[in-house]
């Protein structure tokens, strides 16, 4: 995706965060060994093949609000499509496949690139719940996330 598209998608995540009271239906986090995680779908749609020039294969687009309780974790996972996030509350600790954590405090916007090589975990090591609004742009028929084993560096610690 180009920087312009990423900027637009980031703005869409921020706008979706403002619309969080809109509730479409429940969703669950699919991460391996997740604890203290709940998620709900705020909006979703499917983009048909060929409708959008920069997404020629079509996509499932979904906005969710995910809460990670203090001490909670998503477990290790990856995404098959682009994922954009806005941290609405708390501080997310986000180790990636090399176990180096990124720290995202309230107000942060970040993205997770797609693919198995971008395995990561979301953790709440703070004392307040972490609330994140996600925008997923997923290939048709793929889940929002895929379970993954912890990388060797996580098993060693």
N, C-alpha and C. Protein backbone atom coordinates (compact mmCIF):
# COMPACT_ATOMS: atom_id res chain seq x y z
N UNK A 1 0.85 -1.19 0.00
CA UNK A 1 0.00 0.00 0.00
C UNK A 1 0.89 1.24 0.00
N UNK A 2 0.44 2.26 -0.65
CA UNK A 2 1.21 3.49 -0.67
C UNK A 2 1.03 4.25 0.62
N UNK A 3 1.90 5.24 0.84
CA UNK A 3 1.79 6.06 2.06
C UNK A 3 0.46 6.78 2.12
N UNK A 4 -0.04 7.24 0.97
CA UNK A 4 -1.33 7.94 0.94
C UNK A 4 -2.43 7.02 1.40
N UNK A 5 -2.44 5.78 0.90
CA UNK A 5 -3.47 4.82 1.29
C UNK A 5 -3.35 4.52 2.78
N UNK A 6 -2.12 4.35 3.27
CA UNK A 6 -1.93 4.10 4.71
C UNK A 6 -2.43 5.28 5.53
N UNK A 7 -2.18 6.50 5.07
CA UNK A 7 -2.64 7.68 5.79
C UNK A 7 -4.16 7.73 5.82
N UNK A 8 -4.79 7.42 4.69
CA UNK A 8 -6.26 7.40 4.63
C UNK A 8 -6.80 6.31 5.56
N UNK A 9 -6.17 5.14 5.52
CA UNK A 9 -6.62 4.05 6.38
C UNK A 9 -6.45 4.41 7.85
N UNK A 10 -5.33 5.07 8.19
CA UNK A 10 -5.13 5.51 9.58
C UNK A 10 -6.19 6.49 10.01
N UNK A 11 -6.55 7.40 9.12
CA UNK A 11 -7.62 8.36 9.42
C UNK A 11 -8.95 7.63 9.59
N UNK A 12 -9.18 6.59 8.80
CA UNK A 12 -10.41 5.81 8.93
C UNK A 12 -10.49 5.12 10.28
N UNK A 13 -9.34 4.61 10.78
CA UNK A 13 -9.33 3.99 12.11
C UNK A 13 -9.69 5.02 13.17
N UNK A 14 -9.10 6.20 13.07
CA UNK A 14 -9.40 7.25 14.04
C UNK A 14 -10.87 7.64 13.97
N UNK A 15 -11.42 7.75 12.77
CA UNK A 15 -12.84 8.08 12.63
C UNK A 15 -13.72 6.97 13.19
N UNK A 16 -13.33 5.72 12.94
CA UNK A 16 -14.10 4.60 13.47
C UNK A 16 -14.11 4.60 14.99
N UNK A 17 -13.01 5.04 15.59
CA UNK A 17 -12.95 5.10 17.05
C UNK A 17 -14.00 6.05 17.60
N UNK A 18 -14.29 7.10 16.85
CA UNK A 18 -15.31 8.05 17.29
C UNK A 18 -16.70 7.47 17.16
N UNK A 19 -16.85 6.44 16.31
CA UNK A 19 -18.15 5.82 16.08
C UNK A 19 -18.34 4.55 16.90
N UNK A 20 -17.49 4.32 17.89
CA UNK A 20 -17.50 3.08 18.65
C UNK A 20 -18.85 2.72 19.26
N UNK A 21 -19.73 3.65 19.62
CA UNK A 21 -21.02 3.24 20.15
C UNK A 21 -21.86 2.45 19.15
N UNK A 22 -21.55 2.52 17.84
CA UNK A 22 -22.28 1.74 16.85
C UNK A 22 -21.87 0.29 17.01
N UNK A 23 -22.82 -0.59 17.33
CA UNK A 23 -22.50 -1.99 17.60
C UNK A 23 -23.19 -2.86 16.57
N UNK A 24 -22.43 -3.61 15.80
CA UNK A 24 -23.00 -4.46 14.78
C UNK A 24 -23.16 -5.89 15.27
N UNK A 25 -22.22 -6.42 16.01
CA UNK A 25 -22.31 -7.79 16.49
C UNK A 25 -21.05 -8.21 17.18
N UNK A 26 -21.06 -9.35 17.88
CA UNK A 26 -19.89 -9.80 18.62
C UNK A 26 -18.82 -10.41 17.72
N UNK A 27 -17.60 -10.36 18.19
CA UNK A 27 -16.48 -11.02 17.53
C UNK A 27 -15.58 -11.57 18.62
N UNK A 28 -14.77 -12.51 18.29
CA UNK A 28 -13.87 -13.07 19.27
C UNK A 28 -12.45 -12.97 18.77
N UNK A 29 -11.52 -12.84 19.71
CA UNK A 29 -10.11 -12.83 19.34
C UNK A 29 -9.69 -14.27 19.08
N UNK A 30 -8.96 -14.51 17.98
CA UNK A 30 -8.56 -15.85 17.58
C UNK A 30 -7.12 -16.19 17.96
N UNK A 31 -6.50 -15.38 18.76
CA UNK A 31 -5.08 -15.56 19.04
C UNK A 31 -4.82 -16.77 19.93
N UNK A 32 -3.67 -17.42 19.70
CA UNK A 32 -3.24 -18.55 20.51
C UNK A 32 -3.03 -18.11 21.96
N UNK A 33 -3.50 -18.90 22.89
CA UNK A 33 -3.36 -18.66 24.33
C UNK A 33 -3.76 -17.24 24.75
N UNK A 34 -4.80 -16.69 24.12
CA UNK A 34 -5.24 -15.37 24.55
C UNK A 34 -5.89 -15.45 25.92
N UNK A 35 -5.65 -14.44 26.73
CA UNK A 35 -6.28 -14.35 28.03
C UNK A 35 -6.68 -12.90 28.26
N UNK A 36 -7.85 -12.70 28.82
CA UNK A 36 -8.30 -11.36 29.16
C UNK A 36 -8.60 -10.49 27.96
N UNK A 37 -8.97 -11.10 26.82
CA UNK A 37 -9.22 -10.34 25.60
C UNK A 37 -10.69 -10.49 25.20
N UNK A 38 -11.33 -9.36 24.91
CA UNK A 38 -12.67 -9.40 24.35
C UNK A 38 -12.71 -8.45 23.16
N UNK A 39 -13.59 -8.75 22.21
CA UNK A 39 -13.64 -7.95 21.00
C UNK A 39 -15.07 -7.88 20.51
N UNK A 40 -15.42 -6.75 19.88
CA UNK A 40 -16.73 -6.63 19.26
C UNK A 40 -16.58 -5.94 17.92
N UNK A 41 -17.43 -6.35 16.98
CA UNK A 41 -17.41 -5.76 15.64
C UNK A 41 -18.21 -4.48 15.66
N UNK A 42 -17.61 -3.41 15.15
CA UNK A 42 -18.30 -2.12 15.05
C UNK A 42 -18.93 -1.93 13.67
N UNK A 43 -18.25 -2.42 12.63
CA UNK A 43 -18.75 -2.31 11.26
C UNK A 43 -18.00 -3.30 10.40
N UNK A 44 -18.64 -3.72 9.29
CA UNK A 44 -17.96 -4.59 8.34
C UNK A 44 -18.64 -4.51 6.98
N UNK A 45 -17.87 -4.80 5.95
CA UNK A 45 -18.39 -4.84 4.59
C UNK A 45 -17.43 -5.67 3.74
N UNK A 46 -17.92 -6.08 2.60
CA UNK A 46 -17.07 -6.78 1.64
C UNK A 46 -16.91 -5.91 0.40
N UNK A 47 -15.68 -5.82 -0.10
CA UNK A 47 -15.38 -5.07 -1.32
C UNK A 47 -15.29 -6.10 -2.44
N UNK A 48 -16.20 -6.03 -3.42
CA UNK A 48 -16.18 -7.01 -4.51
C UNK A 48 -14.91 -6.92 -5.37
N UNK A 49 -14.57 -8.02 -5.99
CA UNK A 49 -13.42 -8.08 -6.90
C UNK A 49 -13.59 -7.01 -7.97
N UNK A 50 -12.52 -6.22 -8.19
CA UNK A 50 -12.50 -5.23 -9.25
C UNK A 50 -13.17 -3.90 -8.94
N UNK A 51 -13.81 -3.75 -7.79
CA UNK A 51 -14.50 -2.50 -7.47
C UNK A 51 -13.53 -1.37 -7.14
N UNK A 52 -12.46 -1.69 -6.39
CA UNK A 52 -11.49 -0.68 -5.97
C UNK A 52 -10.16 -0.99 -6.67
N UNK A 53 -9.63 -0.05 -7.44
CA UNK A 53 -8.42 -0.33 -8.23
C UNK A 53 -7.22 -0.81 -7.41
N UNK A 54 -7.01 -0.28 -6.19
CA UNK A 54 -5.84 -0.71 -5.43
C UNK A 54 -6.10 -1.97 -4.59
N UNK A 55 -7.31 -2.53 -4.70
CA UNK A 55 -7.63 -3.82 -4.07
C UNK A 55 -8.33 -4.67 -5.14
N UNK A 56 -7.60 -5.05 -6.21
CA UNK A 56 -8.24 -5.73 -7.34
C UNK A 56 -8.82 -7.10 -6.98
N UNK A 57 -8.28 -7.75 -5.95
CA UNK A 57 -8.75 -9.08 -5.57
C UNK A 57 -9.96 -9.04 -4.64
N UNK A 58 -10.44 -7.82 -4.29
CA UNK A 58 -11.54 -7.70 -3.34
C UNK A 58 -11.01 -7.85 -1.92
N UNK A 59 -11.87 -7.61 -0.93
CA UNK A 59 -11.43 -7.70 0.46
C UNK A 59 -12.63 -7.70 1.39
N UNK A 60 -12.40 -8.23 2.56
CA UNK A 60 -13.34 -8.08 3.67
C UNK A 60 -12.76 -6.96 4.54
N UNK A 61 -13.56 -5.96 4.84
CA UNK A 61 -13.13 -4.84 5.67
C UNK A 61 -13.95 -4.88 6.95
N UNK A 62 -13.26 -4.83 8.09
CA UNK A 62 -13.95 -4.93 9.37
C UNK A 62 -13.29 -3.99 10.38
N UNK A 63 -14.12 -3.33 11.16
CA UNK A 63 -13.65 -2.47 12.25
C UNK A 63 -14.10 -3.13 13.55
N UNK A 64 -13.15 -3.35 14.45
CA UNK A 64 -13.47 -3.96 15.74
C UNK A 64 -12.92 -3.10 16.88
N UNK A 65 -13.49 -3.29 18.02
CA UNK A 65 -12.95 -2.70 19.25
C UNK A 65 -12.54 -3.86 20.14
N UNK A 66 -11.27 -3.90 20.49
CA UNK A 66 -10.73 -4.99 21.29
C UNK A 66 -10.24 -4.43 22.63
N UNK A 67 -10.58 -5.13 23.70
CA UNK A 67 -10.15 -4.75 25.04
C UNK A 67 -9.25 -5.86 25.59
N UNK A 68 -8.10 -5.46 26.10
CA UNK A 68 -7.17 -6.40 26.75
C UNK A 68 -7.09 -6.00 28.21
N UNK A 69 -7.52 -6.87 29.10
CA UNK A 69 -7.51 -6.61 30.53
C UNK A 69 -6.07 -6.53 31.04
N UNK A 70 -5.86 -5.87 32.18
CA UNK A 70 -4.52 -5.87 32.78
C UNK A 70 -4.00 -7.31 32.92
N UNK A 71 -2.78 -7.53 32.48
CA UNK A 71 -2.19 -8.87 32.50
C UNK A 71 -2.60 -9.74 31.33
N UNK A 72 -3.47 -9.25 30.45
CA UNK A 72 -3.97 -10.03 29.33
C UNK A 72 -3.03 -10.02 28.14
N UNK A 73 -3.27 -10.98 27.24
CA UNK A 73 -2.47 -11.10 26.02
C UNK A 73 -3.33 -11.65 24.90
N UNK A 74 -3.03 -11.23 23.68
CA UNK A 74 -3.70 -11.78 22.50
C UNK A 74 -3.15 -13.14 22.12
N UNK A 75 -2.00 -13.50 22.65
CA UNK A 75 -1.28 -14.67 22.16
C UNK A 75 -0.59 -14.31 20.86
N UNK A 76 0.28 -15.18 20.40
CA UNK A 76 1.04 -14.92 19.17
C UNK A 76 0.15 -15.23 17.97
N UNK A 77 0.17 -14.33 16.99
CA UNK A 77 -0.66 -14.46 15.81
C UNK A 77 -0.12 -13.59 14.69
N UNK A 78 -0.72 -13.72 13.52
CA UNK A 78 -0.40 -12.86 12.38
C UNK A 78 -1.69 -12.59 11.63
N UNK A 79 -1.62 -11.68 10.66
CA UNK A 79 -2.77 -11.31 9.85
C UNK A 79 -2.45 -11.56 8.38
N UNK A 80 -3.45 -12.04 7.63
CA UNK A 80 -3.27 -12.25 6.19
C UNK A 80 -3.44 -10.97 5.39
N UNK A 81 -4.03 -9.95 5.99
CA UNK A 81 -4.23 -8.67 5.32
C UNK A 81 -3.66 -7.53 6.13
N UNK A 82 -3.82 -6.33 5.61
CA UNK A 82 -3.35 -5.13 6.32
C UNK A 82 -4.22 -4.90 7.55
N UNK A 83 -3.58 -4.50 8.64
CA UNK A 83 -4.27 -4.20 9.87
C UNK A 83 -3.78 -2.85 10.39
N UNK A 84 -4.73 -1.98 10.70
CA UNK A 84 -4.42 -0.65 11.23
C UNK A 84 -5.08 -0.53 12.59
N UNK A 85 -4.43 0.16 13.52
CA UNK A 85 -4.93 0.21 14.89
C UNK A 85 -4.82 1.61 15.49
N UNK A 86 -5.78 1.92 16.35
CA UNK A 86 -5.80 3.16 17.12
C UNK A 86 -5.97 2.77 18.58
N UNK A 87 -5.00 3.13 19.44
CA UNK A 87 -5.08 2.81 20.87
C UNK A 87 -5.92 3.89 21.53
N UNK A 88 -7.11 3.50 21.92
CA UNK A 88 -8.06 4.44 22.52
C UNK A 88 -7.78 4.65 24.01
N UNK A 89 -7.29 3.61 24.69
CA UNK A 89 -7.07 3.70 26.14
C UNK A 89 -5.94 2.75 26.53
N UNK A 90 -5.16 3.13 27.51
CA UNK A 90 -4.11 2.27 28.03
C UNK A 90 -2.85 2.31 27.18
N UNK A 91 -1.94 1.38 27.48
CA UNK A 91 -0.68 1.27 26.74
C UNK A 91 -0.50 -0.18 26.30
N UNK A 92 -0.35 -0.37 25.01
CA UNK A 92 -0.16 -1.70 24.44
C UNK A 92 1.32 -2.00 24.31
N UNK A 93 1.73 -3.17 24.79
CA UNK A 93 3.07 -3.69 24.55
C UNK A 93 2.93 -4.70 23.42
N UNK A 94 3.73 -4.54 22.37
CA UNK A 94 3.52 -5.25 21.12
C UNK A 94 4.81 -5.88 20.61
N UNK A 95 5.24 -7.02 21.22
CA UNK A 95 6.45 -7.67 20.72
C UNK A 95 6.20 -8.33 19.36
N UNK A 96 7.22 -8.26 18.50
CA UNK A 96 7.13 -8.89 17.19
C UNK A 96 8.02 -10.12 17.16
N UNK A 97 8.23 -10.70 15.98
CA UNK A 97 8.91 -11.99 15.87
C UNK A 97 10.32 -12.01 16.43
N UNK A 98 10.97 -10.85 16.57
CA UNK A 98 12.30 -10.82 17.18
C UNK A 98 12.21 -10.55 18.69
N UNK A 99 10.98 -10.50 19.22
CA UNK A 99 10.67 -10.27 20.64
C UNK A 99 10.97 -8.85 21.12
N UNK A 100 11.34 -7.96 20.21
CA UNK A 100 11.54 -6.57 20.58
C UNK A 100 10.18 -5.90 20.63
N UNK A 101 9.78 -5.38 21.81
CA UNK A 101 8.44 -4.80 21.89
C UNK A 101 8.39 -3.34 21.43
N UNK A 102 7.33 -3.02 20.74
CA UNK A 102 6.97 -1.63 20.50
C UNK A 102 5.97 -1.26 21.58
N UNK A 103 5.99 -0.03 22.03
CA UNK A 103 5.08 0.44 23.07
C UNK A 103 4.17 1.50 22.44
N UNK A 104 2.86 1.27 22.55
CA UNK A 104 1.89 2.18 21.96
C UNK A 104 0.97 2.73 23.06
N UNK A 105 1.18 3.97 23.49
CA UNK A 105 0.31 4.57 24.51
C UNK A 105 -0.99 5.08 23.89
N UNK A 106 -1.90 5.51 24.74
CA UNK A 106 -3.17 6.09 24.30
C UNK A 106 -2.93 7.12 23.21
N UNK A 107 -3.72 7.05 22.14
CA UNK A 107 -3.61 7.99 21.03
C UNK A 107 -2.72 7.52 19.90
N UNK A 108 -2.00 6.41 20.09
CA UNK A 108 -1.11 5.89 19.05
C UNK A 108 -1.90 5.26 17.91
N UNK A 109 -1.38 5.41 16.70
CA UNK A 109 -1.89 4.73 15.52
C UNK A 109 -0.73 3.94 14.94
N UNK A 110 -0.96 2.66 14.65
CA UNK A 110 0.09 1.83 14.07
C UNK A 110 -0.54 0.82 13.12
N UNK A 111 0.31 0.11 12.38
CA UNK A 111 -0.19 -0.93 11.48
C UNK A 111 0.63 -2.20 11.66
N UNK A 112 -0.01 -3.31 11.36
CA UNK A 112 0.67 -4.61 11.33
C UNK A 112 0.69 -5.08 9.89
N UNK A 113 1.86 -5.29 9.31
CA UNK A 113 1.90 -5.78 7.94
C UNK A 113 1.42 -7.23 7.88
N UNK A 114 0.94 -7.65 6.72
CA UNK A 114 0.43 -9.01 6.60
C UNK A 114 1.52 -10.07 6.46
N UNK A 115 1.16 -11.30 6.81
CA UNK A 115 2.02 -12.44 6.55
C UNK A 115 2.59 -13.11 7.78
N UNK A 116 2.91 -14.38 7.61
CA UNK A 116 3.44 -15.21 8.70
C UNK A 116 4.75 -14.68 9.26
N UNK A 117 5.53 -13.98 8.44
CA UNK A 117 6.81 -13.48 8.95
C UNK A 117 6.62 -12.30 9.89
N UNK A 118 5.40 -11.80 10.02
CA UNK A 118 5.11 -10.67 10.91
C UNK A 118 4.29 -11.11 12.12
N UNK A 119 4.66 -12.26 12.68
CA UNK A 119 3.99 -12.75 13.88
C UNK A 119 4.23 -11.77 15.03
N UNK A 120 3.22 -11.59 15.87
CA UNK A 120 3.32 -10.63 16.98
C UNK A 120 2.31 -10.99 18.06
N UNK A 121 2.42 -10.28 19.17
CA UNK A 121 1.54 -10.48 20.31
C UNK A 121 1.17 -9.11 20.85
N UNK A 122 -0.04 -8.97 21.35
CA UNK A 122 -0.44 -7.75 22.03
C UNK A 122 -0.58 -8.04 23.51
N UNK A 123 0.08 -7.24 24.36
CA UNK A 123 0.05 -7.50 25.80
C UNK A 123 -0.32 -6.23 26.56
N UNK A 124 -1.00 -6.42 27.67
CA UNK A 124 -1.29 -5.31 28.57
C UNK A 124 -0.52 -5.56 29.86
N UNK A 125 0.57 -4.83 30.05
CA UNK A 125 1.36 -4.98 31.27
C UNK A 125 1.04 -3.86 32.25
N UNK A 126 0.02 -3.05 31.92
CA UNK A 126 -0.37 -1.92 32.77
C UNK A 126 -1.48 -2.29 33.75
N UNK A 127 -2.03 -1.26 34.38
CA UNK A 127 -3.05 -1.47 35.41
C UNK A 127 -4.46 -1.11 34.96
N UNK A 128 -4.60 -0.57 33.72
CA UNK A 128 -5.92 -0.25 33.18
C UNK A 128 -6.12 -1.05 31.90
N UNK A 129 -7.37 -1.34 31.54
CA UNK A 129 -7.60 -2.06 30.28
C UNK A 129 -7.05 -1.29 29.08
N UNK A 130 -6.52 -2.01 28.11
CA UNK A 130 -6.10 -1.44 26.84
C UNK A 130 -7.29 -1.61 25.89
N UNK A 131 -7.71 -0.51 25.27
CA UNK A 131 -8.80 -0.55 24.30
C UNK A 131 -8.25 -0.09 22.96
N UNK A 132 -8.40 -0.94 21.94
CA UNK A 132 -7.85 -0.67 20.61
C UNK A 132 -8.96 -0.79 19.58
N UNK A 133 -9.02 0.15 18.65
CA UNK A 133 -9.91 0.05 17.51
C UNK A 133 -9.06 -0.39 16.32
N UNK A 134 -9.46 -1.52 15.71
CA UNK A 134 -8.74 -2.08 14.58
C UNK A 134 -9.52 -1.91 13.29
N UNK A 135 -8.81 -1.64 12.21
CA UNK A 135 -9.36 -1.70 10.86
C UNK A 135 -8.62 -2.81 10.13
N UNK A 136 -9.35 -3.86 9.76
CA UNK A 136 -8.77 -4.99 9.04
C UNK A 136 -9.18 -4.91 7.57
N UNK A 137 -8.21 -5.09 6.68
CA UNK A 137 -8.48 -5.22 5.24
C UNK A 137 -7.91 -6.59 4.87
N UNK A 138 -8.80 -7.59 4.85
CA UNK A 138 -8.41 -8.99 4.79
C UNK A 138 -8.82 -9.61 3.45
N UNK A 139 -7.98 -10.46 2.87
CA UNK A 139 -8.38 -11.15 1.64
C UNK A 139 -9.68 -11.93 1.86
N UNK A 140 -10.52 -12.01 0.84
CA UNK A 140 -11.79 -12.73 0.98
C UNK A 140 -11.57 -14.15 1.50
N UNK A 141 -12.40 -14.54 2.45
CA UNK A 141 -12.35 -15.90 2.99
C UNK A 141 -11.32 -16.14 4.07
N UNK A 142 -10.50 -15.16 4.39
CA UNK A 142 -9.47 -15.32 5.42
C UNK A 142 -9.98 -14.78 6.76
N UNK A 143 -9.54 -15.37 7.88
CA UNK A 143 -9.92 -14.84 9.19
C UNK A 143 -9.17 -13.54 9.49
N UNK A 144 -9.63 -12.81 10.50
CA UNK A 144 -8.96 -11.55 10.87
C UNK A 144 -7.56 -11.80 11.38
N UNK A 145 -7.34 -12.93 12.07
CA UNK A 145 -6.00 -13.27 12.53
C UNK A 145 -5.84 -14.78 12.49
N UNK A 146 -4.58 -15.22 12.47
CA UNK A 146 -4.25 -16.64 12.45
C UNK A 146 -3.34 -16.94 13.64
N UNK A 147 -3.67 -18.00 14.37
CA UNK A 147 -2.83 -18.42 15.48
C UNK A 147 -1.43 -18.74 14.98
N UNK A 148 -0.45 -18.51 15.84
CA UNK A 148 0.94 -18.81 15.49
C UNK A 148 1.69 -19.24 16.74
N UNK A 149 2.66 -20.12 16.60
CA UNK A 149 3.48 -20.47 17.76
C UNK A 149 4.37 -19.28 18.15
N UNK A 150 4.69 -19.22 19.42
CA UNK A 150 5.61 -18.18 19.88
C UNK A 150 6.96 -18.37 19.23
N UNK A 151 7.63 -17.29 18.84
CA UNK A 151 8.97 -17.43 18.27
C UNK A 151 9.95 -17.95 19.33
N UNK A 152 11.07 -18.47 18.87
CA UNK A 152 12.06 -19.07 19.76
C UNK A 152 12.49 -18.11 20.86
N UNK A 153 12.63 -16.81 20.54
CA UNK A 153 13.08 -15.86 21.56
C UNK A 153 12.06 -15.71 22.68
N UNK A 154 10.77 -15.88 22.39
CA UNK A 154 9.74 -15.76 23.43
C UNK A 154 9.74 -17.01 24.32
N UNK A 155 10.05 -18.17 23.73
CA UNK A 155 10.08 -19.42 24.48
C UNK A 155 11.28 -19.45 25.43
N UNK A 156 12.35 -18.74 25.05
CA UNK A 156 13.57 -18.73 25.86
C UNK A 156 13.46 -17.82 27.07
N UNK A 157 12.52 -16.88 27.04
CA UNK A 157 12.44 -15.93 28.17
C UNK A 157 11.48 -16.39 29.25
